[in-house]
Amino acid sequence: MNKEQRVAFIIKTLQELYPSIPIPLDHKDPYTLLIAVLLSAQSTDVRVNQITPLLFEIADNPYDMVKLTVEDIREIIKPVGLSPMKSKGIHGLSHILIDKYNGEVPQSFEALESLPAVGHKTASVVMSQAFGVPAFPVDTHIHRLMYRWNLSNGKNVVQTEKDAKRLFPEALWNDLHLQIIWYGREYSPARGWDLEKDIITKTIGRQSVINSHLQSFTKGRKQK
């Protein structure tokens, strides 16, 4: 298959597997999504979804959040990791949302990325999932699969995002980035990868990745 055919095969397979696409992080509005995505940095969605109900029960909007101290926030979010930086970011951005945006989450990449502790990926997730603006936030799953599928060189997430946006139709970006995340978790994980179940990589994947995986799998079986 050429690259266009591989892309078409990926889209078709993902649409068949995930006709409806749940958003991994529990939230009820743009603000709670923004906080949840910020918390998910170098953590798991499962862990974040365990912590956010505790935080949002006390403060699910910027006005209530700024009533807490940074230390109050840190105590609640400690299990997700990087709590000193994240608690300062949550408190700081909540103040800015009140002072500058009437307590609302701004609907632009530039405004979001100017908030404390909010990077391009977090802004992209919020723009995509809260406001429906086409974006292609790249997490570890997408970065890994774009390389495994021979669609990107895997050097960095910036390049992976550019390649994804160039290859996939813009109208599908918001669905595809979630579909690829779910696929990566279920069928093509970093560890415990079963190539037989990973129909996309098995069919169109980078040959060097497949060969390396098969060699390590064979070696592992011989050692048993």
N, C-alpha and C. Protein backbone atom coordinates (compact mmCIF):
# COMPACT_ATOMS: atom_id res chain seq x y z
N MET A 1 0.84 -1.20 0.00
CA MET A 1 0.00 0.00 0.00
C MET A 1 0.88 1.26 0.00
N ASN A 2 0.43 2.27 -0.75
CA ASN A 2 1.13 3.55 -0.65
C ASN A 2 0.59 4.31 0.57
N LYS A 3 1.13 5.50 0.82
CA LYS A 3 0.78 6.22 2.05
C LYS A 3 -0.71 6.58 2.08
N GLU A 4 -1.26 7.01 0.95
CA GLU A 4 -2.68 7.37 0.90
C GLU A 4 -3.56 6.16 1.23
N GLN A 5 -3.19 5.01 0.71
CA GLN A 5 -3.96 3.79 0.98
C GLN A 5 -3.84 3.37 2.44
N ARG A 6 -2.64 3.57 3.02
CA ARG A 6 -2.46 3.23 4.43
C ARG A 6 -3.32 4.14 5.31
N VAL A 7 -3.34 5.42 4.98
CA VAL A 7 -4.15 6.38 5.74
C VAL A 7 -5.63 6.01 5.63
N ALA A 8 -6.08 5.67 4.45
CA ALA A 8 -7.49 5.28 4.24
C ALA A 8 -7.82 4.02 5.04
N PHE A 9 -6.89 3.07 5.08
CA PHE A 9 -7.11 1.83 5.83
C PHE A 9 -7.21 2.13 7.33
N ILE A 10 -6.34 3.02 7.83
CA ILE A 10 -6.36 3.39 9.25
C ILE A 10 -7.70 4.03 9.60
N ILE A 11 -8.13 5.01 8.79
CA ILE A 11 -9.39 5.71 9.06
C ILE A 11 -10.56 4.73 9.07
N LYS A 12 -10.62 3.85 8.07
CA LYS A 12 -11.72 2.88 7.96
C LYS A 12 -11.74 1.94 9.17
N THR A 13 -10.56 1.43 9.54
CA THR A 13 -10.48 0.50 10.67
C THR A 13 -10.88 1.17 11.97
N LEU A 14 -10.40 2.39 12.21
CA LEU A 14 -10.72 3.10 13.44
C LEU A 14 -12.20 3.45 13.51
N GLN A 15 -12.80 3.82 12.38
CA GLN A 15 -14.22 4.16 12.39
C GLN A 15 -15.08 2.92 12.66
N GLU A 16 -14.62 1.77 12.20
CA GLU A 16 -15.35 0.53 12.47
C GLU A 16 -15.22 0.13 13.94
N LEU A 17 -14.02 0.31 14.50
CA LEU A 17 -13.79 -0.07 15.90
C LEU A 17 -14.43 0.91 16.88
N TYR A 18 -14.40 2.21 16.53
CA TYR A 18 -14.87 3.25 17.45
C TYR A 18 -15.86 4.19 16.76
N PRO A 19 -17.06 3.68 16.45
CA PRO A 19 -18.06 4.54 15.80
C PRO A 19 -18.52 5.67 16.72
N SER A 20 -18.56 5.41 18.03
CA SER A 20 -18.79 6.48 19.00
C SER A 20 -17.56 6.54 19.89
N ILE A 21 -17.13 7.74 20.20
CA ILE A 21 -15.81 7.91 20.82
C ILE A 21 -15.94 8.62 22.16
N PRO A 22 -15.77 7.90 23.24
CA PRO A 22 -15.82 8.56 24.55
C PRO A 22 -14.59 9.42 24.79
N ILE A 23 -14.77 10.53 25.49
CA ILE A 23 -13.63 11.37 25.89
C ILE A 23 -13.04 10.77 27.17
N PRO A 24 -11.74 10.49 27.19
CA PRO A 24 -11.15 9.74 28.32
C PRO A 24 -11.24 10.44 29.67
N LEU A 25 -11.20 11.76 29.68
CA LEU A 25 -11.19 12.50 30.95
C LEU A 25 -12.60 12.97 31.31
N ASP A 26 -13.04 12.64 32.52
CA ASP A 26 -14.37 13.04 32.98
C ASP A 26 -14.40 14.55 33.22
N HIS A 27 -15.44 15.20 32.70
CA HIS A 27 -15.59 16.64 32.88
C HIS A 27 -17.03 17.01 32.55
N LYS A 28 -17.40 18.25 32.87
CA LYS A 28 -18.77 18.67 32.58
C LYS A 28 -18.84 19.97 31.78
N ASP A 29 -17.70 20.66 31.65
CA ASP A 29 -17.68 21.93 30.92
C ASP A 29 -16.23 22.25 30.56
N PRO A 30 -16.00 23.33 29.79
CA PRO A 30 -14.63 23.64 29.38
C PRO A 30 -13.65 23.83 30.55
N TYR A 31 -14.11 24.42 31.65
CA TYR A 31 -13.20 24.65 32.78
C TYR A 31 -12.75 23.33 33.40
N THR A 32 -13.69 22.45 33.68
CA THR A 32 -13.31 21.18 34.31
C THR A 32 -12.48 20.33 33.35
N LEU A 33 -12.74 20.45 32.04
CA LEU A 33 -11.89 19.75 31.07
C LEU A 33 -10.47 20.32 31.10
N LEU A 34 -10.34 21.63 31.11
CA LEU A 34 -9.03 22.28 31.15
C LEU A 34 -8.23 21.79 32.37
N ILE A 35 -8.87 21.76 33.53
CA ILE A 35 -8.18 21.33 34.75
C ILE A 35 -7.80 19.85 34.64
N ALA A 36 -8.71 19.03 34.14
CA ALA A 36 -8.43 17.59 34.02
C ALA A 36 -7.28 17.33 33.06
N VAL A 37 -7.24 18.05 31.94
CA VAL A 37 -6.15 17.85 30.97
C VAL A 37 -4.83 18.31 31.56
N LEU A 38 -4.84 19.43 32.24
CA LEU A 38 -3.63 19.92 32.91
C LEU A 38 -3.10 18.87 33.90
N LEU A 39 -4.01 18.27 34.65
CA LEU A 39 -3.61 17.26 35.63
C LEU A 39 -3.08 15.98 34.99
N SER A 40 -3.49 15.72 33.76
CA SER A 40 -3.12 14.45 33.11
C SER A 40 -1.68 14.40 32.62
N ALA A 41 -0.99 15.54 32.64
CA ALA A 41 0.41 15.55 32.18
C ALA A 41 1.25 14.60 33.04
N GLN A 42 1.93 13.67 32.37
CA GLN A 42 2.76 12.66 33.02
C GLN A 42 2.00 11.88 34.10
N SER A 43 0.72 11.69 33.86
CA SER A 43 -0.10 10.85 34.73
C SER A 43 -1.02 10.04 33.82
N THR A 44 -1.90 9.25 34.41
CA THR A 44 -2.85 8.46 33.62
C THR A 44 -4.24 9.05 33.75
N ASP A 45 -5.06 8.85 32.72
CA ASP A 45 -6.43 9.34 32.77
C ASP A 45 -7.20 8.68 33.91
N VAL A 46 -6.91 7.41 34.17
CA VAL A 46 -7.58 6.69 35.26
C VAL A 46 -7.31 7.39 36.59
N ARG A 47 -6.05 7.71 36.84
CA ARG A 47 -5.67 8.39 38.09
C ARG A 47 -6.34 9.76 38.17
N VAL A 48 -6.31 10.49 37.08
CA VAL A 48 -6.92 11.83 37.07
C VAL A 48 -8.42 11.74 37.36
N ASN A 49 -9.10 10.75 36.73
CA ASN A 49 -10.54 10.60 36.95
C ASN A 49 -10.88 10.18 38.37
N GLN A 50 -9.90 9.66 39.10
CA GLN A 50 -10.12 9.34 40.52
C GLN A 50 -10.00 10.58 41.40
N ILE A 51 -9.17 11.54 40.94
CA ILE A 51 -8.87 12.72 41.75
C ILE A 51 -9.81 13.89 41.47
N THR A 52 -10.19 14.08 40.21
CA THR A 52 -10.99 15.27 39.86
C THR A 52 -12.33 15.35 40.60
N PRO A 53 -13.03 14.23 40.86
CA PRO A 53 -14.28 14.39 41.62
C PRO A 53 -14.06 14.99 43.01
N LEU A 54 -12.92 14.67 43.63
CA LEU A 54 -12.61 15.22 44.96
C LEU A 54 -12.36 16.72 44.85
N LEU A 55 -11.64 17.11 43.80
CA LEU A 55 -11.34 18.54 43.60
C LEU A 55 -12.59 19.31 43.19
N PHE A 56 -13.34 18.76 42.23
CA PHE A 56 -14.49 19.49 41.69
C PHE A 56 -15.67 19.55 42.66
N GLU A 57 -15.68 18.66 43.64
CA GLU A 57 -16.72 18.73 44.66
C GLU A 57 -16.56 20.01 45.49
N ILE A 58 -15.31 20.43 45.61
CA ILE A 58 -15.01 21.66 46.37
C ILE A 58 -15.00 22.87 45.45
N ALA A 59 -14.41 22.70 44.26
CA ALA A 59 -14.25 23.84 43.34
C ALA A 59 -14.31 23.33 41.90
N ASP A 60 -15.44 23.58 41.23
CA ASP A 60 -15.57 23.17 39.84
C ASP A 60 -15.69 24.39 38.91
N ASN A 61 -15.24 25.54 39.42
CA ASN A 61 -15.25 26.78 38.63
C ASN A 61 -14.14 27.68 39.18
N PRO A 62 -13.68 28.64 38.40
CA PRO A 62 -12.54 29.44 38.84
C PRO A 62 -12.81 30.26 40.09
N TYR A 63 -14.06 30.69 40.29
CA TYR A 63 -14.38 31.52 41.46
C TYR A 63 -14.21 30.74 42.75
N ASP A 64 -14.64 29.48 42.76
CA ASP A 64 -14.44 28.65 43.96
C ASP A 64 -12.99 28.19 44.08
N MET A 65 -12.33 27.99 42.93
CA MET A 65 -10.94 27.51 42.96
C MET A 65 -10.02 28.53 43.62
N VAL A 66 -10.23 29.82 43.35
CA VAL A 66 -9.32 30.83 43.92
C VAL A 66 -9.56 31.04 45.41
N LYS A 67 -10.66 30.50 45.93
CA LYS A 67 -10.88 30.56 47.38
C LYS A 67 -9.97 29.59 48.13
N LEU A 68 -9.48 28.58 47.38
CA LEU A 68 -8.53 27.63 47.96
C LEU A 68 -7.13 28.21 47.87
N THR A 69 -6.26 27.76 48.73
CA THR A 69 -4.85 28.13 48.60
C THR A 69 -4.17 27.14 47.65
N VAL A 70 -3.00 27.51 47.18
CA VAL A 70 -2.22 26.59 46.34
C VAL A 70 -1.96 25.29 47.10
N GLU A 71 -1.71 25.41 48.37
CA GLU A 71 -1.44 24.23 49.19
C GLU A 71 -2.67 23.35 49.34
N ASP A 72 -3.86 23.97 49.44
CA ASP A 72 -5.11 23.20 49.50
C ASP A 72 -5.25 22.34 48.23
N ILE A 73 -5.01 22.98 47.09
CA ILE A 73 -5.14 22.28 45.81
C ILE A 73 -4.11 21.16 45.71
N ARG A 74 -2.91 21.49 46.14
CA ARG A 74 -1.82 20.51 46.06
C ARG A 74 -2.13 19.25 46.87
N GLU A 75 -2.69 19.43 48.04
CA GLU A 75 -3.02 18.28 48.89
C GLU A 75 -4.00 17.34 48.20
N ILE A 76 -4.95 17.90 47.46
CA ILE A 76 -5.97 17.09 46.79
C ILE A 76 -5.39 16.37 45.57
N ILE A 77 -4.55 17.08 44.80
CA ILE A 77 -4.10 16.53 43.51
C ILE A 77 -2.78 15.77 43.62
N LYS A 78 -2.22 15.67 44.81
CA LYS A 78 -0.90 15.07 44.99
C LYS A 78 -0.73 13.71 44.30
N PRO A 79 -1.75 12.82 44.33
CA PRO A 79 -1.58 11.49 43.70
C PRO A 79 -1.32 11.50 42.19
N VAL A 80 -1.66 12.60 41.50
CA VAL A 80 -1.43 12.60 40.05
C VAL A 80 0.00 12.99 39.67
N GLY A 81 0.80 13.42 40.63
CA GLY A 81 2.19 13.78 40.34
C GLY A 81 2.34 15.22 39.89
N LEU A 82 3.56 15.73 40.01
CA LEU A 82 3.90 17.12 39.64
C LEU A 82 2.97 18.12 40.33
N SER A 83 2.54 17.79 41.56
CA SER A 83 1.53 18.62 42.22
C SER A 83 1.99 20.05 42.53
N PRO A 84 3.27 20.31 42.83
CA PRO A 84 3.65 21.72 43.08
C PRO A 84 3.40 22.62 41.87
N MET A 85 3.82 22.16 40.72
CA MET A 85 3.65 22.95 39.49
C MET A 85 2.17 23.02 39.08
N LYS A 86 1.47 21.89 39.17
CA LYS A 86 0.08 21.85 38.73
C LYS A 86 -0.83 22.67 39.64
N SER A 87 -0.59 22.62 40.95
CA SER A 87 -1.44 23.39 41.87
C SER A 87 -1.26 24.89 41.66
N LYS A 88 -0.01 25.33 41.44
CA LYS A 88 0.23 26.75 41.14
C LYS A 88 -0.44 27.15 39.83
N GLY A 89 -0.34 26.25 38.84
CA GLY A 89 -0.94 26.53 37.54
C GLY A 89 -2.46 26.66 37.64
N ILE A 90 -3.10 25.73 38.34
CA ILE A 90 -4.56 25.75 38.49
C ILE A 90 -5.01 27.03 39.20
N HIS A 91 -4.32 27.38 40.27
CA HIS A 91 -4.68 28.58 41.03
C HIS A 91 -4.45 29.83 40.18
N GLY A 92 -3.30 29.87 39.52
CA GLY A 92 -2.95 31.04 38.71
C GLY A 92 -3.87 31.23 37.52
N LEU A 93 -4.16 30.17 36.80
CA LEU A 93 -5.01 30.32 35.61
C LEU A 93 -6.45 30.65 36.01
N SER A 94 -6.88 30.16 37.17
CA SER A 94 -8.24 30.49 37.63
C SER A 94 -8.37 31.99 37.90
N HIS A 95 -7.33 32.59 38.50
CA HIS A 95 -7.31 34.04 38.71
C HIS A 95 -7.38 34.78 37.37
N ILE A 96 -6.61 34.32 36.40
CA ILE A 96 -6.58 34.99 35.10
C ILE A 96 -7.93 34.88 34.40
N LEU A 97 -8.56 33.70 34.48
CA LEU A 97 -9.88 33.52 33.85
C LEU A 97 -10.89 34.51 34.43
N ILE A 98 -10.81 34.75 35.74
CA ILE A 98 -11.73 35.70 36.39
C ILE A 98 -11.38 37.14 35.98
N ASP A 99 -10.10 37.48 36.06
CA ASP A 99 -9.67 38.87 35.82
C ASP A 99 -9.78 39.28 34.35
N LYS A 100 -9.54 38.32 33.47
CA LYS A 100 -9.39 38.67 32.05
C LYS A 100 -10.53 38.15 31.16
N TYR A 101 -11.18 37.06 31.59
CA TYR A 101 -12.16 36.42 30.70
C TYR A 101 -13.53 36.19 31.37
N ASN A 102 -13.84 36.98 32.39
CA ASN A 102 -15.14 36.86 33.08
C ASN A 102 -15.44 35.45 33.56
N GLY A 103 -14.37 34.73 33.95
CA GLY A 103 -14.55 33.39 34.49
C GLY A 103 -14.75 32.31 33.45
N GLU A 104 -14.67 32.68 32.16
CA GLU A 104 -14.87 31.72 31.08
C GLU A 104 -13.53 31.26 30.51
N VAL A 105 -13.50 30.04 29.98
CA VAL A 105 -12.30 29.54 29.31
C VAL A 105 -12.25 30.15 27.90
N PRO A 106 -11.16 30.82 27.55
CA PRO A 106 -11.08 31.45 26.22
C PRO A 106 -11.04 30.42 25.10
N GLN A 107 -11.57 30.81 23.96
CA GLN A 107 -11.68 29.88 22.84
C GLN A 107 -10.65 30.18 21.75
N SER A 108 -9.39 30.30 22.16
CA SER A 108 -8.32 30.46 21.18
C SER A 108 -7.06 29.77 21.68
N PHE A 109 -6.29 29.25 20.75
CA PHE A 109 -5.04 28.58 21.11
C PHE A 109 -4.10 29.55 21.83
N GLU A 110 -3.99 30.77 21.31
CA GLU A 110 -3.05 31.74 21.86
C GLU A 110 -3.40 32.07 23.31
N ALA A 111 -4.69 32.31 23.57
CA ALA A 111 -5.11 32.67 24.93
C ALA A 111 -4.91 31.51 25.89
N LEU A 112 -5.25 30.32 25.44
CA LEU A 112 -5.08 29.14 26.31
C LEU A 112 -3.61 28.89 26.62
N GLU A 113 -2.76 28.98 25.60
CA GLU A 113 -1.34 28.69 25.79
C GLU A 113 -0.64 29.76 26.62
N SER A 114 -1.28 30.90 26.81
CA SER A 114 -0.69 31.95 27.65
C SER A 114 -1.00 31.73 29.14
N LEU A 115 -1.89 30.78 29.44
CA LEU A 115 -2.25 30.50 30.83
C LEU A 115 -1.16 29.68 31.51
N PRO A 116 -0.99 29.84 32.82
CA PRO A 116 0.03 29.06 33.55
C PRO A 116 -0.21 27.56 33.42
N ALA A 117 0.88 26.83 33.19
CA ALA A 117 0.87 25.35 33.13
C ALA A 117 0.07 24.78 31.97
N VAL A 118 -0.31 25.63 31.01
CA VAL A 118 -1.06 25.16 29.85
C VAL A 118 -0.15 25.21 28.62
N GLY A 119 0.20 24.06 28.09
CA GLY A 119 1.03 23.99 26.89
C GLY A 119 0.18 23.76 25.66
N HIS A 120 0.85 23.52 24.54
CA HIS A 120 0.15 23.37 23.27
C HIS A 120 -0.78 22.17 23.25
N LYS A 121 -0.31 21.06 23.84
CA LYS A 121 -1.15 19.86 23.84
C LYS A 121 -2.43 20.07 24.64
N THR A 122 -2.30 20.64 25.83
CA THR A 122 -3.48 20.91 26.67
C THR A 122 -4.44 21.85 25.95
N ALA A 123 -3.90 22.91 25.34
CA ALA A 123 -4.75 23.85 24.60
C ALA A 123 -5.46 23.14 23.44
N SER A 124 -4.74 22.27 22.76
CA SER A 124 -5.32 21.55 21.62
C SER A 124 -6.46 20.64 22.05
N VAL A 125 -6.29 19.95 23.19
CA VAL A 125 -7.35 19.07 23.69
C VAL A 125 -8.60 19.89 24.02
N VAL A 126 -8.40 21.03 24.70
CA VAL A 126 -9.55 21.86 25.08
C VAL A 126 -10.24 22.44 23.84
N MET A 127 -9.46 22.94 22.89
CA MET A 127 -10.05 23.49 21.67
C MET A 127 -10.83 22.43 20.91
N SER A 128 -10.27 21.22 20.88
CA SER A 128 -10.90 20.13 20.14
C SER A 128 -12.14 19.60 20.85
N GLN A 129 -11.98 19.24 22.11
CA GLN A 129 -13.03 18.51 22.81
C GLN A 129 -14.08 19.41 23.46
N ALA A 130 -13.70 20.62 23.83
CA ALA A 130 -14.67 21.53 24.45
C ALA A 130 -15.36 22.43 23.42
N PHE A 131 -14.60 22.83 22.40
CA PHE A 131 -15.13 23.82 21.47
C PHE A 131 -15.29 23.31 20.03
N GLY A 132 -14.87 22.09 19.77
CA GLY A 132 -15.06 21.51 18.44
C GLY A 132 -14.18 22.10 17.35
N VAL A 133 -13.12 22.80 17.74
CA VAL A 133 -12.19 23.38 16.76
C VAL A 133 -11.21 22.29 16.32
N PRO A 134 -10.98 22.12 15.02
CA PRO A 134 -10.06 21.06 14.57
C PRO A 134 -8.68 21.21 15.18
N ALA A 135 -8.21 20.14 15.82
CA ALA A 135 -6.88 20.11 16.43
C ALA A 135 -6.43 18.66 16.46
N PHE A 136 -5.13 18.45 16.62
CA PHE A 136 -4.62 17.08 16.66
C PHE A 136 -3.61 16.96 17.79
N PRO A 137 -4.08 17.02 19.06
CA PRO A 137 -3.16 16.89 20.18
C PRO A 137 -2.47 15.53 20.17
N VAL A 138 -1.16 15.53 20.28
CA VAL A 138 -0.39 14.29 20.21
C VAL A 138 0.06 13.87 21.60
N ASP A 139 -0.43 12.71 22.04
CA ASP A 139 0.04 12.15 23.31
C ASP A 139 1.00 11.00 23.01
N THR A 140 1.40 10.26 24.03
CA THR A 140 2.39 9.20 23.83
C THR A 140 1.86 8.10 22.92
N HIS A 141 0.55 7.81 23.00
CA HIS A 141 -0.02 6.76 22.16
C HIS A 141 0.04 7.15 20.68
N ILE A 142 -0.40 8.37 20.38
CA ILE A 142 -0.39 8.84 18.99
C ILE A 142 1.04 8.92 18.47
N HIS A 143 1.94 9.42 19.28
CA HIS A 143 3.35 9.53 18.88
C HIS A 143 3.91 8.14 18.54
N ARG A 144 3.62 7.17 19.39
CA ARG A 144 4.10 5.80 19.17
C ARG A 144 3.49 5.19 17.91
N LEU A 145 2.17 5.36 17.73
CA LEU A 145 1.50 4.71 16.60
C LEU A 145 1.82 5.37 15.27
N MET A 146 1.99 6.67 15.26
CA MET A 146 2.37 7.33 14.00
C MET A 146 3.72 6.80 13.53
N TYR A 147 4.60 6.46 14.48
CA TYR A 147 5.88 5.86 14.11
C TYR A 147 5.69 4.41 13.68
N ARG A 148 4.96 3.64 14.47
CA ARG A 148 4.72 2.23 14.12
C ARG A 148 4.04 2.08 12.76
N TRP A 149 3.18 3.05 12.43
CA TRP A 149 2.46 2.98 11.16
C TRP A 149 3.22 3.61 10.02
N ASN A 150 4.47 4.01 10.29
CA ASN A 150 5.34 4.57 9.25
C ASN A 150 4.76 5.85 8.64
N LEU A 151 4.12 6.65 9.48
CA LEU A 151 3.54 7.92 9.02
C LEU A 151 4.33 9.11 9.54
N SER A 152 5.26 8.87 10.48
CA SER A 152 6.09 9.93 11.02
C SER A 152 7.41 9.31 11.48
N ASN A 153 8.45 10.14 11.55
CA ASN A 153 9.77 9.59 11.90
C ASN A 153 9.99 9.41 13.39
N GLY A 154 9.04 9.90 14.21
CA GLY A 154 9.13 9.67 15.65
C GLY A 154 10.14 10.53 16.38
N LYS A 155 10.69 11.57 15.72
CA LYS A 155 11.73 12.39 16.37
C LYS A 155 11.18 13.21 17.53
N ASN A 156 10.02 13.81 17.36
CA ASN A 156 9.41 14.59 18.44
C ASN A 156 7.92 14.78 18.16
N VAL A 157 7.18 15.17 19.21
CA VAL A 157 5.72 15.27 19.06
C VAL A 157 5.32 16.44 18.15
N VAL A 158 6.17 17.45 18.06
CA VAL A 158 5.88 18.58 17.17
C VAL A 158 5.82 18.10 15.73
N GLN A 159 6.82 17.31 15.33
CA GLN A 159 6.85 16.77 13.97
C GLN A 159 5.71 15.78 13.76
N THR A 160 5.43 14.96 14.77
CA THR A 160 4.33 13.99 14.66
C THR A 160 3.01 14.71 14.43
N GLU A 161 2.78 15.81 15.14
CA GLU A 161 1.54 16.57 14.96
C GLU A 161 1.46 17.14 13.54
N LYS A 162 2.56 17.69 13.05
CA LYS A 162 2.57 18.23 11.68
C LYS A 162 2.24 17.14 10.67
N ASP A 163 2.86 15.95 10.85
CA ASP A 163 2.62 14.85 9.92
C ASP A 163 1.17 14.38 9.97
N ALA A 164 0.62 14.29 11.17
CA ALA A 164 -0.78 13.85 11.32
C ALA A 164 -1.73 14.83 10.63
N LYS A 165 -1.48 16.12 10.83
CA LYS A 165 -2.34 17.14 10.22
C LYS A 165 -2.21 17.16 8.70
N ARG A 166 -1.02 16.83 8.22
CA ARG A 166 -0.80 16.81 6.77
C ARG A 166 -1.46 15.59 6.12
N LEU A 167 -1.47 14.47 6.83
CA LEU A 167 -1.93 13.20 6.24
C LEU A 167 -3.44 12.96 6.39
N PHE A 168 -3.99 13.38 7.54
CA PHE A 168 -5.40 13.08 7.80
C PHE A 168 -6.29 14.28 7.47
N PRO A 169 -7.50 14.04 6.94
CA PRO A 169 -8.40 15.15 6.63
C PRO A 169 -8.76 15.95 7.87
N GLU A 170 -8.75 17.27 7.75
CA GLU A 170 -9.00 18.14 8.90
C GLU A 170 -10.34 17.86 9.56
N ALA A 171 -11.35 17.52 8.77
CA ALA A 171 -12.68 17.25 9.31
C ALA A 171 -12.70 16.05 10.26
N LEU A 172 -11.67 15.20 10.18
CA LEU A 172 -11.62 14.00 11.01
C LEU A 172 -10.65 14.11 12.19
N TRP A 173 -9.92 15.21 12.28
CA TRP A 173 -8.87 15.32 13.31
C TRP A 173 -9.41 15.06 14.72
N ASN A 174 -10.52 15.71 15.05
CA ASN A 174 -11.01 15.62 16.43
C ASN A 174 -11.43 14.19 16.80
N ASP A 175 -12.02 13.48 15.85
CA ASP A 175 -12.36 12.07 16.10
C ASP A 175 -11.11 11.20 16.09
N LEU A 176 -10.26 11.41 15.10
CA LEU A 176 -9.10 10.52 14.93
C LEU A 176 -8.14 10.55 16.11
N HIS A 177 -7.90 11.72 16.67
CA HIS A 177 -6.91 11.75 17.76
C HIS A 177 -7.42 10.93 18.95
N LEU A 178 -8.72 10.94 19.18
CA LEU A 178 -9.27 10.11 20.26
C LEU A 178 -9.30 8.63 19.87
N GLN A 179 -9.67 8.35 18.62
CA GLN A 179 -9.71 6.96 18.16
C GLN A 179 -8.33 6.31 18.23
N ILE A 180 -7.30 7.07 17.86
CA ILE A 180 -5.94 6.52 17.91
C ILE A 180 -5.51 6.28 19.35
N ILE A 181 -5.88 7.18 20.26
CA ILE A 181 -5.55 6.97 21.67
C ILE A 181 -6.19 5.69 22.19
N TRP A 182 -7.48 5.50 21.92
CA TRP A 182 -8.16 4.28 22.38
C TRP A 182 -7.55 3.04 21.73
N TYR A 183 -7.23 3.14 20.44
CA TYR A 183 -6.63 1.99 19.74
C TYR A 183 -5.27 1.65 20.35
N GLY A 184 -4.47 2.69 20.62
CA GLY A 184 -3.15 2.46 21.21
C GLY A 184 -3.24 1.76 22.55
N ARG A 185 -4.22 2.15 23.35
CA ARG A 185 -4.38 1.52 24.67
C ARG A 185 -4.83 0.07 24.55
N GLU A 186 -5.75 -0.18 23.63
CA GLU A 186 -6.37 -1.51 23.57
C GLU A 186 -5.62 -2.50 22.70
N TYR A 187 -5.02 -2.02 21.61
CA TYR A 187 -4.46 -2.95 20.62
C TYR A 187 -2.96 -2.78 20.37
N SER A 188 -2.41 -1.62 20.67
CA SER A 188 -1.01 -1.38 20.32
C SER A 188 -0.27 -0.64 21.43
N PRO A 189 -0.26 -1.22 22.65
CA PRO A 189 0.39 -0.55 23.77
C PRO A 189 1.91 -0.59 23.67
N ALA A 190 2.56 0.21 24.48
CA ALA A 190 4.03 0.22 24.50
C ALA A 190 4.56 -1.09 25.09
N ARG A 191 3.87 -1.60 26.13
CA ARG A 191 4.28 -2.84 26.76
C ARG A 191 3.18 -3.88 26.62
N GLY A 192 3.58 -5.16 26.59
CA GLY A 192 2.60 -6.23 26.46
C GLY A 192 1.89 -6.21 25.12
N TRP A 193 2.63 -5.80 24.10
CA TRP A 193 2.07 -5.64 22.75
C TRP A 193 1.90 -7.00 22.09
N ASP A 194 0.68 -7.30 21.63
CA ASP A 194 0.38 -8.52 20.89
C ASP A 194 0.11 -8.13 19.44
N LEU A 195 1.09 -8.36 18.60
CA LEU A 195 0.98 -7.94 17.20
C LEU A 195 -0.20 -8.59 16.48
N GLU A 196 -0.55 -9.79 16.87
CA GLU A 196 -1.67 -10.50 16.23
C GLU A 196 -2.98 -9.74 16.41
N LYS A 197 -3.14 -9.09 17.55
CA LYS A 197 -4.37 -8.34 17.81
C LYS A 197 -4.35 -6.95 17.18
N ASP A 198 -3.14 -6.48 16.87
CA ASP A 198 -2.96 -5.11 16.36
C ASP A 198 -3.08 -5.14 14.83
N ILE A 199 -4.32 -5.16 14.35
CA ILE A 199 -4.59 -5.35 12.92
C ILE A 199 -3.99 -4.24 12.06
N ILE A 200 -3.97 -3.00 12.57
CA ILE A 200 -3.44 -1.90 11.75
C ILE A 200 -1.94 -2.04 11.57
N THR A 201 -1.19 -2.18 12.66
CA THR A 201 0.27 -2.30 12.55
C THR A 201 0.64 -3.58 11.79
N LYS A 202 -0.07 -4.65 12.05
CA LYS A 202 0.19 -5.91 11.37
C LYS A 202 0.02 -5.78 9.85
N THR A 203 -0.93 -4.94 9.45
CA THR A 203 -1.25 -4.80 8.02
C THR A 203 -0.38 -3.77 7.32
N ILE A 204 -0.17 -2.62 7.97
CA ILE A 204 0.51 -1.51 7.25
C ILE A 204 1.71 -0.95 8.00
N GLY A 205 2.12 -1.61 9.08
CA GLY A 205 3.14 -1.05 9.96
C GLY A 205 4.53 -0.99 9.36
N ARG A 206 5.38 -0.21 10.02
CA ARG A 206 6.78 -0.07 9.64
C ARG A 206 7.46 -1.42 9.79
N GLN A 207 8.08 -1.89 8.73
CA GLN A 207 8.63 -3.25 8.73
C GLN A 207 9.72 -3.45 9.77
N SER A 208 10.53 -2.44 9.98
CA SER A 208 11.61 -2.58 10.97
C SER A 208 11.04 -2.76 12.38
N VAL A 209 9.93 -2.09 12.68
CA VAL A 209 9.28 -2.22 14.00
C VAL A 209 8.71 -3.62 14.15
N ILE A 210 8.04 -4.10 13.10
CA ILE A 210 7.46 -5.44 13.14
C ILE A 210 8.56 -6.49 13.30
N ASN A 211 9.62 -6.36 12.50
CA ASN A 211 10.73 -7.34 12.57
C ASN A 211 11.37 -7.35 13.96
N SER A 212 11.59 -6.16 14.52
CA SER A 212 12.20 -6.06 15.84
C SER A 212 11.31 -6.70 16.89
N HIS A 213 10.01 -6.47 16.78
CA HIS A 213 9.07 -7.05 17.74
C HIS A 213 9.05 -8.58 17.63
N LEU A 214 9.04 -9.07 16.40
CA LEU A 214 9.01 -10.53 16.20
C LEU A 214 10.29 -11.17 16.71
N GLN A 215 11.41 -10.51 16.50
CA GLN A 215 12.69 -11.05 16.98
C GLN A 215 12.73 -11.13 18.50
N SER A 216 12.26 -10.06 19.17
CA SER A 216 12.27 -10.05 20.63
C SER A 216 11.26 -11.07 21.18
N PHE A 217 10.14 -11.23 20.46
CA PHE A 217 9.13 -12.20 20.88
C PHE A 217 9.67 -13.62 20.76
N THR A 218 10.35 -13.89 19.64
CA THR A 218 10.95 -15.22 19.42
C THR A 218 12.06 -15.50 20.44
N LYS A 219 12.87 -14.48 20.68
CA LYS A 219 13.95 -14.62 21.67
C LYS A 219 13.38 -14.90 23.06
N GLY A 220 12.32 -14.20 23.39
CA GLY A 220 11.69 -14.40 24.70
C GLY A 220 11.13 -15.80 24.87
N ARG A 221 10.58 -16.35 23.80
CA ARG A 221 10.02 -17.70 23.88
C ARG A 221 11.13 -18.75 24.02
N LYS A 222 12.27 -18.50 23.36
CA LYS A 222 13.40 -19.43 23.44
C LYS A 222 14.00 -19.48 24.85
N GLN A 223 13.95 -18.31 25.53
CA GLN A 223 14.55 -18.23 26.86
C GLN A 223 13.69 -18.92 27.93
N LYS A 224 12.44 -19.15 27.62
CA LYS A 224 11.54 -19.77 28.62
C LYS A 224 11.81 -21.26 28.75
